[in-house]
Each structure stands twice: as C-alpha cells, then as structure tokens.
Amino acid sequence: MNHCFVVMLEVDAAWLALSREKRREYAAELYEIIGRYADHVRVKYFDADAFSGRCSDFVLCETGDTAAYHRMWEGLKDSAAFSRGYYRIKDVLYGIQNAYQDYETQVLGMEPEAYTT
C-alpha cells in the first residue's frame, strides 16, 4: 500500500537570519539523511509561506514502508536544523492511497475495480 504523509513545517525567523550559505550547510545534512532512505521514501519539499498561514513549508512523503519513513524523521529531528529550533513540525496529514479498495476486496470480498488512481 502507498502511504502518503504531508508534514507541515514552521521555519523559525532565526533560520532566515542565517546567510544563504549557512542555510545550505544545514540543508546538506538534511539531504544526506533523506538520501539514506531514498530507496524506501519518496520526498518532495515545498515552500508555502507565500501561500499559506498554516505552515511555512511542507514535505510530501510517499512510502510503502512506514518504518523507513519513521526512521528517516527520527534522523531529521536529530539534525542541527531541527535540534537547534530552526525547523519545527506543526502538523502531519496521513492517508493511504485507495485504501477503500483494499477494504472492499479484502474484507467484503468484492472484485477489484477496473480503474484505480
């Protein structure tokens, strides 16, 4: 099953006070951690502060391996960007792609739908 997590982040003003070069140094650590899990978790990063008051940024993670997703976030939270308070997780939305179809076929014994997204 494909699991999707939308992790809403809040970036502290102290992050913006850092030089762009310093931010890239912190980001390199984040990318290295994410890279360790690239075979199991697909990650996309979005800047949202110009469009939303709920969060400044969000990360879209897709995986079939929720344990790998969790381990990745444990590593990210141990990084300097998170442990020094530059980034905070505000909220997480979670969903399972087409989960109702699994229920219909596995629990109700219905035939799979011909078309799925």
C-alpha atoms as a PDB file:
ATOM      1  CA  MET A   1       0.000   0.000   0.000  1.00  0.00           C
ATOM      2  CA  ASN A   2       1.135   3.505  -0.761  1.00  0.00           C
ATOM      3  CA  HIS A   3       1.154   5.721   2.324  1.00  0.00           C
ATOM      4  CA  CYS A   4       1.302   9.495   1.977  1.00  0.00           C
ATOM      5  CA  PHE A   5       2.356  11.958   4.666  1.00  0.00           C
ATOM      6  CA  VAL A   6       2.134  15.725   4.365  1.00  0.00           C
ATOM      7  CA  VAL A   7       4.441  17.093   7.050  1.00  0.00           C
ATOM      8  CA  MET A   8       3.734  20.763   7.721  1.00  0.00           C
ATOM      9  CA  LEU A   9       6.740  22.690   8.946  1.00  0.00           C
ATOM     10  CA  GLU A  10       7.331  26.029  10.589  1.00  0.00           C
ATOM     11  CA  VAL A  11      10.663  27.676   9.869  1.00  0.00           C
ATOM     12  CA  ASP A  12      11.878  29.981  12.626  1.00  0.00           C
ATOM     13  CA  ALA A  13      12.888  33.570  11.849  1.00  0.00           C
ATOM     14  CA  ALA A  14      16.384  32.697  13.132  1.00  0.00           C
ATOM     15  CA  TRP A  15      16.747  30.442  10.073  1.00  0.00           C
ATOM     16  CA  LEU A  16      16.035  33.377   7.784  1.00  0.00           C
ATOM     17  CA  ALA A  17      18.638  35.446   9.667  1.00  0.00           C
ATOM     18  CA  LEU A  18      21.324  32.938   8.666  1.00  0.00           C
ATOM     19  CA  SER A  19      23.264  33.566   5.474  1.00  0.00           C
ATOM     20  CA  ARG A  20      22.125  31.558   2.471  1.00  0.00           C
ATOM     21  CA  GLU A  21      25.478  29.761   2.541  1.00  0.00           C
ATOM     22  CA  LYS A  22      24.966  28.705   6.178  1.00  0.00           C
ATOM     23  CA  ARG A  23      21.430  27.511   5.395  1.00  0.00           C
ATOM     24  CA  ARG A  24      22.838  25.356   2.604  1.00  0.00           C
ATOM     25  CA  GLU A  25      25.255  23.754   5.066  1.00  0.00           C
ATOM     26  CA  TYR A  26      22.361  22.754   7.329  1.00  0.00           C
ATOM     27  CA  ALA A  27      20.308  21.645   4.320  1.00  0.00           C
ATOM     28  CA  ALA A  28      23.146  19.391   3.143  1.00  0.00           C
ATOM     29  CA  GLU A  29      22.799  17.392   6.366  1.00  0.00           C
ATOM     30  CA  LEU A  30      19.046  17.066   5.788  1.00  0.00           C
ATOM     31  CA  TYR A  31      19.558  15.924   2.196  1.00  0.00           C
ATOM     32  CA  GLU A  32      22.106  13.352   3.334  1.00  0.00           C
ATOM     33  CA  ILE A  33      19.635  11.886   5.841  1.00  0.00           C
ATOM     34  CA  ILE A  34      16.822  11.841   3.273  1.00  0.00           C
ATOM     35  CA  GLY A  35      19.170  10.206   0.770  1.00  0.00           C
ATOM     36  CA  ARG A  36      19.723   7.271   3.118  1.00  0.00           C
ATOM     37  CA  TYR A  37      16.038   6.405   2.764  1.00  0.00           C
ATOM     38  CA  ALA A  38      15.565   7.248  -0.922  1.00  0.00           C
ATOM     39  CA  ASP A  39      15.013   3.579  -1.813  1.00  0.00           C
ATOM     40  CA  HIS A  40      12.013   3.461   0.542  1.00  0.00           C
ATOM     41  CA  VAL A  41      10.643   7.006   0.907  1.00  0.00           C
ATOM     42  CA  ARG A  42       9.989   9.475  -1.896  1.00  0.00           C
ATOM     43  CA  VAL A  43      10.355  13.043  -0.576  1.00  0.00           C
ATOM     44  CA  LYS A  44       9.298  16.338  -2.128  1.00  0.00           C
ATOM     45  CA  TYR A  45       9.834  19.699  -0.408  1.00  0.00           C
ATOM     46  CA  PHE A  46       7.507  22.666  -0.940  1.00  0.00           C
ATOM     47  CA  ASP A  47       7.804  26.306   0.094  1.00  0.00           C
ATOM     48  CA  ALA A  48       4.402  27.523   1.271  1.00  0.00           C
ATOM     49  CA  ASP A  49       4.809  30.703   3.322  1.00  0.00           C
ATOM     50  CA  ALA A  50       3.782  32.985   0.461  1.00  0.00           C
ATOM     51  CA  PHE A  51       0.577  30.986   0.033  1.00  0.00           C
ATOM     52  CA  SER A  52      -0.483  29.738   3.461  1.00  0.00           C
ATOM     53  CA  GLY A  53      -0.642  30.879   7.058  1.00  0.00           C
ATOM     54  CA  ARG A  54      -0.817  27.303   8.363  1.00  0.00           C
ATOM     55  CA  CYS A  55       2.819  26.476   7.670  1.00  0.00           C
ATOM     56  CA  SER A  56       5.881  27.999   6.064  1.00  0.00           C
ATOM     57  CA  ASP A  57       6.907  24.816   4.235  1.00  0.00           C
ATOM     58  CA  PHE A  58       5.708  21.276   3.825  1.00  0.00           C
ATOM     59  CA  VAL A  59       7.200  17.941   2.884  1.00  0.00           C
ATOM     60  CA  LEU A  60       5.289  15.322   0.906  1.00  0.00           C
ATOM     61  CA  CYS A  61       6.475  11.791   1.667  1.00  0.00           C
ATOM     62  CA  GLU A  62       5.245   8.662  -0.125  1.00  0.00           C
ATOM     63  CA  THR A  63       6.216   5.202   1.004  1.00  0.00           C
ATOM     64  CA  GLY A  64       5.192   1.591   1.245  1.00  0.00           C
ATOM     65  CA  ASP A  65       7.444   1.256   4.293  1.00  0.00           C
ATOM     66  CA  THR A  66       6.177   3.317   7.240  1.00  0.00           C
ATOM     67  CA  ALA A  67       9.047   2.098   9.440  1.00  0.00           C
ATOM     68  CA  ALA A  68      11.579   3.610   6.995  1.00  0.00           C
ATOM     69  CA  TYR A  69       9.550   6.839   6.974  1.00  0.00           C
ATOM     70  CA  HIS A  70       9.625   6.953  10.770  1.00  0.00           C
ATOM     71  CA  ARG A  71      13.360   6.237  10.928  1.00  0.00           C
ATOM     72  CA  MET A  72      14.009   8.990   8.392  1.00  0.00           C
ATOM     73  CA  TRP A  73      12.144  11.525  10.532  1.00  0.00           C
ATOM     74  CA  GLU A  74      13.959  10.413  13.670  1.00  0.00           C
ATOM     75  CA  GLY A  75      17.210  11.195  11.858  1.00  0.00           C
ATOM     76  CA  LEU A  76      15.898  14.528  10.607  1.00  0.00           C
ATOM     77  CA  LYS A  77      14.808  15.537  14.105  1.00  0.00           C
ATOM     78  CA  ASP A  78      18.339  14.772  15.344  1.00  0.00           C
ATOM     79  CA  SER A  79      19.837  17.088  12.701  1.00  0.00           C
ATOM     80  CA  ALA A  80      21.132  20.559  13.551  1.00  0.00           C
ATOM     81  CA  ALA A  81      18.303  22.265  11.623  1.00  0.00           C
ATOM     82  CA  PHE A  82      15.698  20.639  13.877  1.00  0.00           C
ATOM     83  CA  SER A  83      17.629  20.292  17.148  1.00  0.00           C
ATOM     84  CA  ARG A  84      18.616  23.983  17.104  1.00  0.00           C
ATOM     85  CA  GLY A  85      14.993  25.001  16.597  1.00  0.00           C
ATOM     86  CA  TYR A  86      15.221  26.306  13.038  1.00  0.00           C
ATOM     87  CA  TYR A  87      12.571  23.817  11.868  1.00  0.00           C
ATOM     88  CA  ARG A  88       9.543  22.501  13.759  1.00  0.00           C
ATOM     89  CA  ILE A  89       6.873  20.021  12.725  1.00  0.00           C
ATOM     90  CA  LYS A  90       3.490  21.757  13.054  1.00  0.00           C
ATOM     91  CA  ASP A  91       1.169  19.034  11.817  1.00  0.00           C
ATOM     92  CA  VAL A  92       1.096  15.829   9.799  1.00  0.00           C
ATOM     93  CA  LEU A  93      -1.647  14.682   7.442  1.00  0.00           C
ATOM     94  CA  TYR A  94      -1.676  10.977   6.649  1.00  0.00           C
ATOM     95  CA  GLY A  95      -3.530   8.924   4.101  1.00  0.00           C
ATOM     96  CA  ILE A  96      -3.416   5.560   2.366  1.00  0.00           C
ATOM     97  CA  GLN A  97      -3.854   5.658  -1.382  1.00  0.00           C
ATOM     98  CA  ASN A  98      -7.125   3.993  -2.406  1.00  0.00           C
ATOM     99  CA  ALA A  99      -7.499   2.287   0.990  1.00  0.00           C
ATOM    100  CA  TYR A 100     -11.226   1.825   0.459  1.00  0.00           C
ATOM    101  CA  GLN A 101     -10.418  -0.574  -2.388  1.00  0.00           C
ATOM    102  CA  ASP A 102      -8.367  -2.756  -0.065  1.00  0.00           C
ATOM    103  CA  TYR A 103     -11.300  -2.869   2.349  1.00  0.00           C
ATOM    104  CA  GLU A 104     -13.723  -3.789  -0.427  1.00  0.00           C
ATOM    105  CA  THR A 105     -11.562  -6.607  -1.800  1.00  0.00           C
ATOM    106  CA  GLN A 106     -10.016  -7.955   1.410  1.00  0.00           C
ATOM    107  CA  VAL A 107     -12.918  -7.575   3.846  1.00  0.00           C
ATOM    108  CA  LEU A 108     -16.033  -7.536   1.679  1.00  0.00           C
ATOM    109  CA  GLY A 109     -14.729  -9.946  -0.970  1.00  0.00           C
ATOM    110  CA  MET A 110     -15.627  -7.635  -3.855  1.00  0.00           C
ATOM    111  CA  GLU A 111     -13.853  -7.810  -7.189  1.00  0.00           C
ATOM    112  CA  PRO A 112     -11.182  -5.133  -7.675  1.00  0.00           C
ATOM    113  CA  GLU A 113     -12.269  -2.049  -9.586  1.00  0.00           C
ATOM    114  CA  ALA A 114     -11.055  -1.876 -13.156  1.00  0.00           C
ATOM    115  CA  TYR A 115      -9.765   1.674 -12.788  1.00  0.00           C
ATOM    116  CA  THR A 116      -7.624   2.935  -9.915  1.00  0.00           C
ATOM    117  CA  THR A 117      -5.570   6.066  -9.412  1.00  0.00           C
END
